[in-house]
Amino acid sequence: MKPPLTEREQERLEALRVYRILHTPPERSFDDLTTLAAYVCDVPIALVSLVDSHPSPPIPW
């Protein structure tokens, strides 16, 4: 079952394309963001997923 799309789905997808942040090598700033999220939520790890309209499996870097 797929969740319903938001009315801003096209805007969200366009932002991902404009920022060119999908399918890129690891970046320290994203690592810092997930470290901060884990700290704030008091959990051992945190994940951030950026999903386009055609999700693909993670790329092992």
PDB file of N, CA and C in Angstrom:
ATOM      1  N   MET A   1       0.834  -1.174   0.000  1.00  0.00           N
ATOM      2  CA  MET A   1       0.000   0.000   0.000  1.00  0.00           C
ATOM      3  C   MET A   1       0.886   1.246   0.000  1.00  0.00           C
ATOM      4  N   LYS A   2       0.686   2.095  -0.972  1.00  0.00           N
ATOM      5  CA  LYS A   2       1.453   3.326  -1.057  1.00  0.00           C
ATOM      6  C   LYS A   2       0.764   4.439  -0.270  1.00  0.00           C
ATOM      7  N   PRO A   3       1.566   5.261   0.434  1.00  0.00           N
ATOM      8  CA  PRO A   3       0.952   6.401   1.115  1.00  0.00           C
ATOM      9  C   PRO A   3       0.513   7.444   0.089  1.00  0.00           C
ATOM     10  N   PRO A   4      -0.476   8.249   0.424  1.00  0.00           N
ATOM     11  CA  PRO A   4      -0.905   9.283  -0.535  1.00  0.00           C
ATOM     12  C   PRO A   4       0.177  10.342  -0.712  1.00  0.00           C
ATOM     13  N   LEU A   5       0.267  10.869  -1.922  1.00  0.00           N
ATOM     14  CA  LEU A   5       1.233  11.942  -2.194  1.00  0.00           C
ATOM     15  C   LEU A   5       0.695  13.256  -1.651  1.00  0.00           C
ATOM     16  N   THR A   6       1.621  14.097  -1.215  1.00  0.00           N
ATOM     17  CA  THR A   6       1.202  15.407  -0.733  1.00  0.00           C
ATOM     18  C   THR A   6       0.936  16.317  -1.928  1.00  0.00           C
ATOM     19  N   GLU A   7       0.260  17.398  -1.678  1.00  0.00           N
ATOM     20  CA  GLU A   7      -0.011  18.342  -2.774  1.00  0.00           C
ATOM     21  C   GLU A   7       1.251  19.079  -3.209  1.00  0.00           C
ATOM     22  N   ARG A   8       2.321  18.974  -2.429  1.00  0.00           N
ATOM     23  CA  ARG A   8       3.589  19.635  -2.773  1.00  0.00           C
ATOM     24  C   ARG A   8       4.646  18.635  -3.264  1.00  0.00           C
ATOM     25  N   GLU A   9       4.222  17.447  -3.674  1.00  0.00           N
ATOM     26  CA  GLU A   9       5.153  16.406  -4.088  1.00  0.00           C
ATOM     27  C   GLU A   9       6.048  16.859  -5.240  1.00  0.00           C
ATOM     28  N   GLN A  10       5.491  17.502  -6.244  1.00  0.00           N
ATOM     29  CA  GLN A  10       6.304  17.955  -7.381  1.00  0.00           C
ATOM     30  C   GLN A  10       7.337  18.986  -6.944  1.00  0.00           C
ATOM     31  N   GLU A  11       6.959  19.859  -6.028  1.00  0.00           N
ATOM     32  CA  GLU A  11       7.897  20.863  -5.500  1.00  0.00           C
ATOM     33  C   GLU A  11       9.036  20.178  -4.731  1.00  0.00           C
ATOM     34  N   ARG A  12       8.702  19.161  -3.958  1.00  0.00           N
ATOM     35  CA  ARG A  12       9.711  18.419  -3.211  1.00  0.00           C
ATOM     36  C   ARG A  12      10.701  17.725  -4.149  1.00  0.00           C
ATOM     37  N   LEU A  13      10.177  17.079  -5.180  1.00  0.00           N
ATOM     38  CA  LEU A  13      11.034  16.397  -6.147  1.00  0.00           C
ATOM     39  C   LEU A  13      11.921  17.381  -6.904  1.00  0.00           C
ATOM     40  N   GLU A  14      11.378  18.513  -7.263  1.00  0.00           N
ATOM     41  CA  GLU A  14      12.159  19.542  -7.966  1.00  0.00           C
ATOM     42  C   GLU A  14      13.299  20.043  -7.083  1.00  0.00           C
ATOM     43  N   ALA A  15      13.037  20.231  -5.802  1.00  0.00           N
ATOM     44  CA  ALA A  15      14.088  20.677  -4.879  1.00  0.00           C
ATOM     45  C   ALA A  15      15.222  19.655  -4.825  1.00  0.00           C
ATOM     46  N   LEU A  16      14.886  18.376  -4.804  1.00  0.00           N
ATOM     47  CA  LEU A  16      15.929  17.347  -4.809  1.00  0.00           C
ATOM     48  C   LEU A  16      16.766  17.418  -6.084  1.00  0.00           C
ATOM     49  N   ARG A  17      16.115  17.666  -7.206  1.00  0.00           N
ATOM     50  CA  ARG A  17      16.849  17.782  -8.480  1.00  0.00           C
ATOM     51  C   ARG A  17      17.720  19.030  -8.499  1.00  0.00           C
ATOM     52  N   VAL A  18      17.183  20.148  -8.057  1.00  0.00           N
ATOM     53  CA  VAL A  18      17.919  21.411  -8.077  1.00  0.00           C
ATOM     54  C   VAL A  18      19.162  21.337  -7.185  1.00  0.00           C
ATOM     55  N   TYR A  19      19.004  20.768  -5.988  1.00  0.00           N
ATOM     56  CA  TYR A  19      20.134  20.696  -5.059  1.00  0.00           C
ATOM     57  C   TYR A  19      21.142  19.613  -5.424  1.00  0.00           C
ATOM     58  N   ARG A  20      20.767  18.714  -6.331  1.00  0.00           N
ATOM     59  CA  ARG A  20      21.667  17.658  -6.795  1.00  0.00           C
ATOM     60  C   ARG A  20      22.300  16.898  -5.624  1.00  0.00           C
ATOM     61  N   ILE A  21      21.451  16.432  -4.714  1.00  0.00           N
ATOM     62  CA  ILE A  21      21.945  15.747  -3.519  1.00  0.00           C
ATOM     63  C   ILE A  21      21.617  14.260  -3.496  1.00  0.00           C
ATOM     64  N   LEU A  22      21.023  13.759  -4.560  1.00  0.00           N
ATOM     65  CA  LEU A  22      20.727  12.327  -4.625  1.00  0.00           C
ATOM     66  C   LEU A  22      21.884  11.581  -5.273  1.00  0.00           C
ATOM     67  N   HIS A  23      22.141  10.396  -4.778  1.00  0.00           N
ATOM     68  CA  HIS A  23      23.152   9.507  -5.371  1.00  0.00           C
ATOM     69  C   HIS A  23      24.521  10.182  -5.441  1.00  0.00           C
ATOM     70  N   THR A  24      24.907  10.815  -4.341  1.00  0.00           N
ATOM     71  CA  THR A  24      26.218  11.462  -4.254  1.00  0.00           C
ATOM     72  C   THR A  24      27.068  10.731  -3.218  1.00  0.00           C
ATOM     73  N   PRO A  25      28.379  10.924  -3.279  1.00  0.00           N
ATOM     74  CA  PRO A  25      29.239  10.308  -2.253  1.00  0.00           C
ATOM     75  C   PRO A  25      28.915  10.866  -0.861  1.00  0.00           C
ATOM     76  N   PRO A  26      29.362  10.181   0.174  1.00  0.00           N
ATOM     77  CA  PRO A  26      29.127  10.663   1.539  1.00  0.00           C
ATOM     78  C   PRO A  26      29.671  12.086   1.732  1.00  0.00           C
ATOM     79  N   GLU A  27      28.962  12.853   2.558  1.00  0.00           N
ATOM     80  CA  GLU A  27      29.389  14.226   2.864  1.00  0.00           C
ATOM     81  C   GLU A  27      29.413  14.417   4.366  1.00  0.00           C
ATOM     82  N   ARG A  28      30.433  15.073   4.843  1.00  0.00           N
ATOM     83  CA  ARG A  28      30.599  15.296   6.282  1.00  0.00           C
ATOM     84  C   ARG A  28      29.388  16.023   6.885  1.00  0.00           C
ATOM     85  N   SER A  29      28.824  16.976   6.147  1.00  0.00           N
ATOM     86  CA  SER A  29      27.699  17.740   6.698  1.00  0.00           C
ATOM     87  C   SER A  29      26.490  16.845   6.974  1.00  0.00           C
ATOM     88  N   PHE A  30      26.246  15.850   6.128  1.00  0.00           N
ATOM     89  CA  PHE A  30      25.146  14.918   6.374  1.00  0.00           C
ATOM     90  C   PHE A  30      25.467  14.016   7.572  1.00  0.00           C
ATOM     91  N   ASP A  31      26.726  13.607   7.687  1.00  0.00           N
ATOM     92  CA  ASP A  31      27.135  12.820   8.847  1.00  0.00           C
ATOM     93  C   ASP A  31      26.926  13.623  10.128  1.00  0.00           C
ATOM     94  N   ASP A  32      27.292  14.900  10.091  1.00  0.00           N
ATOM     95  CA  ASP A  32      27.102  15.765  11.257  1.00  0.00           C
ATOM     96  C   ASP A  32      25.622  15.903  11.606  1.00  0.00           C
ATOM     97  N   LEU A  33      24.780  16.008  10.591  1.00  0.00           N
ATOM     98  CA  LEU A  33      23.337  16.139  10.816  1.00  0.00           C
ATOM     99  C   LEU A  33      22.776  14.896  11.504  1.00  0.00           C
ATOM    100  N   THR A  34      23.167  13.723  11.039  1.00  0.00           N
ATOM    101  CA  THR A  34      22.648  12.500  11.656  1.00  0.00           C
ATOM    102  C   THR A  34      23.221  12.295  13.058  1.00  0.00           C
ATOM    103  N   THR A  35      24.460  12.710  13.267  1.00  0.00           N
ATOM    104  CA  THR A  35      25.035  12.629  14.616  1.00  0.00           C
ATOM    105  C   THR A  35      24.257  13.531  15.569  1.00  0.00           C
ATOM    106  N   LEU A  36      23.948  14.728  15.127  1.00  0.00           N
ATOM    107  CA  LEU A  36      23.163  15.657  15.944  1.00  0.00           C
ATOM    108  C   LEU A  36      21.763  15.097  16.223  1.00  0.00           C
ATOM    109  N   ALA A  37      21.121  14.543  15.196  1.00  0.00           N
ATOM    110  CA  ALA A  37      19.779  13.972  15.370  1.00  0.00           C
ATOM    111  C   ALA A  37      19.807  12.834  16.394  1.00  0.00           C
ATOM    112  N   ALA A  38      20.814  11.986  16.327  1.00  0.00           N
ATOM    113  CA  ALA A  38      20.925  10.883  17.290  1.00  0.00           C
ATOM    114  C   ALA A  38      21.133  11.424  18.699  1.00  0.00           C
ATOM    115  N   TYR A  39      21.948  12.447  18.833  1.00  0.00           N
ATOM    116  CA  TYR A  39      22.192  13.041  20.143  1.00  0.00           C
ATOM    117  C   TYR A  39      20.909  13.659  20.714  1.00  0.00           C
ATOM    118  N   VAL A  40      20.216  14.449  19.909  1.00  0.00           N
ATOM    119  CA  VAL A  40      18.997  15.125  20.361  1.00  0.00           C
ATOM    120  C   VAL A  40      17.923  14.109  20.757  1.00  0.00           C
ATOM    121  N   CYS A  41      17.825  13.024  19.990  1.00  0.00           N
ATOM    122  CA  CYS A  41      16.800  12.005  20.256  1.00  0.00           C
ATOM    123  C   CYS A  41      17.268  10.956  21.263  1.00  0.00           C
ATOM    124  N   ASP A  42      18.520  11.080  21.719  1.00  0.00           N
ATOM    125  CA  ASP A  42      19.093  10.156  22.700  1.00  0.00           C
ATOM    126  C   ASP A  42      18.988   8.707  22.236  1.00  0.00           C
ATOM    127  N   VAL A  43      19.442   8.479  20.995  1.00  0.00           N
ATOM    128  CA  VAL A  43      19.464   7.137  20.414  1.00  0.00           C
ATOM    129  C   VAL A  43      20.861   6.868  19.858  1.00  0.00           C
ATOM    130  N   PRO A  44      21.229   5.591  19.666  1.00  0.00           N
ATOM    131  CA  PRO A  44      22.585   5.286  19.201  1.00  0.00           C
ATOM    132  C   PRO A  44      22.882   5.724  17.766  1.00  0.00           C
ATOM    133  N   ILE A  45      21.883   5.677  16.892  1.00  0.00           N
ATOM    134  CA  ILE A  45      22.101   6.097  15.501  1.00  0.00           C
ATOM    135  C   ILE A  45      20.856   6.818  14.990  1.00  0.00           C
ATOM    136  N   ALA A  46      21.052   7.571  13.910  1.00  0.00           N
ATOM    137  CA  ALA A  46      19.932   8.215  13.214  1.00  0.00           C
ATOM    138  C   ALA A  46      20.202   8.109  11.722  1.00  0.00           C
ATOM    139  N   LEU A  47      19.143   8.067  10.948  1.00  0.00           N
ATOM    140  CA  LEU A  47      19.253   7.991   9.491  1.00  0.00           C
ATOM    141  C   LEU A  47      18.412   9.089   8.867  1.00  0.00           C
ATOM    142  N   VAL A  48      18.900   9.630   7.773  1.00  0.00           N
ATOM    143  CA  VAL A  48      18.142  10.606   6.994  1.00  0.00           C
ATOM    144  C   VAL A  48      18.054  10.049   5.576  1.00  0.00           C
ATOM    145  N   SER A  49      16.849   9.924   5.059  1.00  0.00           N
ATOM    146  CA  SER A  49      16.658   9.403   3.706  1.00  0.00           C
ATOM    147  C   SER A  49      16.086  10.487   2.808  1.00  0.00           C
ATOM    148  N   LEU A  50      16.698  10.657   1.654  1.00  0.00           N
ATOM    149  CA  LEU A  50      16.199  11.565   0.636  1.00  0.00           C
ATOM    150  C   LEU A  50      15.708  10.686  -0.507  1.00  0.00           C
ATOM    151  N   VAL A  51      14.414  10.692  -0.755  1.00  0.00           N
ATOM    152  CA  VAL A  51      13.808   9.757  -1.687  1.00  0.00           C
ATOM    153  C   VAL A  51      13.234  10.506  -2.882  1.00  0.00           C
ATOM    154  N   ASP A  52      13.633  10.070  -4.083  1.00  0.00           N
ATOM    155  CA  ASP A  52      13.051  10.678  -5.281  1.00  0.00           C
ATOM    156  C   ASP A  52      11.852   9.852  -5.745  1.00  0.00           C
ATOM    157  N   SER A  53      11.354  10.135  -6.910  1.00  0.00           N
ATOM    158  CA  SER A  53      10.155   9.455  -7.378  1.00  0.00           C
ATOM    159  C   SER A  53      10.416   8.009  -7.794  1.00  0.00           C
ATOM    160  N   HIS A  54      11.693   7.659  -7.991  1.00  0.00           N
ATOM    161  CA  HIS A  54      12.063   6.302  -8.369  1.00  0.00           C
ATOM    162  C   HIS A  54      13.150   5.823  -7.405  1.00  0.00           C
ATOM    163  N   PRO A  55      12.766   5.422  -6.202  1.00  0.00           N
ATOM    164  CA  PRO A  55      13.768   4.998  -5.210  1.00  0.00           C
ATOM    165  C   PRO A  55      14.621   3.848  -5.746  1.00  0.00           C
ATOM    166  N   SER A  56      15.863   3.887  -5.388  1.00  0.00           N
ATOM    167  CA  SER A  56      16.775   2.816  -5.790  1.00  0.00           C
ATOM    168  C   SER A  56      17.501   2.320  -4.545  1.00  0.00           C
ATOM    169  N   PRO A  57      18.110   1.147  -4.633  1.00  0.00           N
ATOM    170  CA  PRO A  57      18.832   0.635  -3.470  1.00  0.00           C
ATOM    171  C   PRO A  57      20.000   1.552  -3.120  1.00  0.00           C
ATOM    172  N   PRO A  58      20.430   1.547  -1.853  1.00  0.00           N
ATOM    173  CA  PRO A  58      21.566   2.387  -1.461  1.00  0.00           C
ATOM    174  C   PRO A  58      22.817   2.036  -2.245  1.00  0.00           C
ATOM    175  N   ILE A  59      23.631   3.033  -2.487  1.00  0.00           N
ATOM    176  CA  ILE A  59      24.901   2.828  -3.193  1.00  0.00           C
ATOM    177  C   ILE A  59      25.993   2.651  -2.157  1.00  0.00           C
ATOM    178  N   PRO A  60      26.715   1.510  -2.156  1.00  0.00           N
ATOM    179  CA  PRO A  60      27.787   1.331  -1.181  1.00  0.00           C
ATOM    180  C   PRO A  60      28.997   2.178  -1.575  1.00  0.00           C
ATOM    181  N   TRP A  61      29.388   3.065  -0.719  1.00  0.00           N
ATOM    182  CA  TRP A  61      30.548   3.925  -1.007  1.00  0.00           C
ATOM    183  C   TRP A  61      31.725   3.348  -0.327  1.00  0.00           C
TER     184      TRP A  61
END
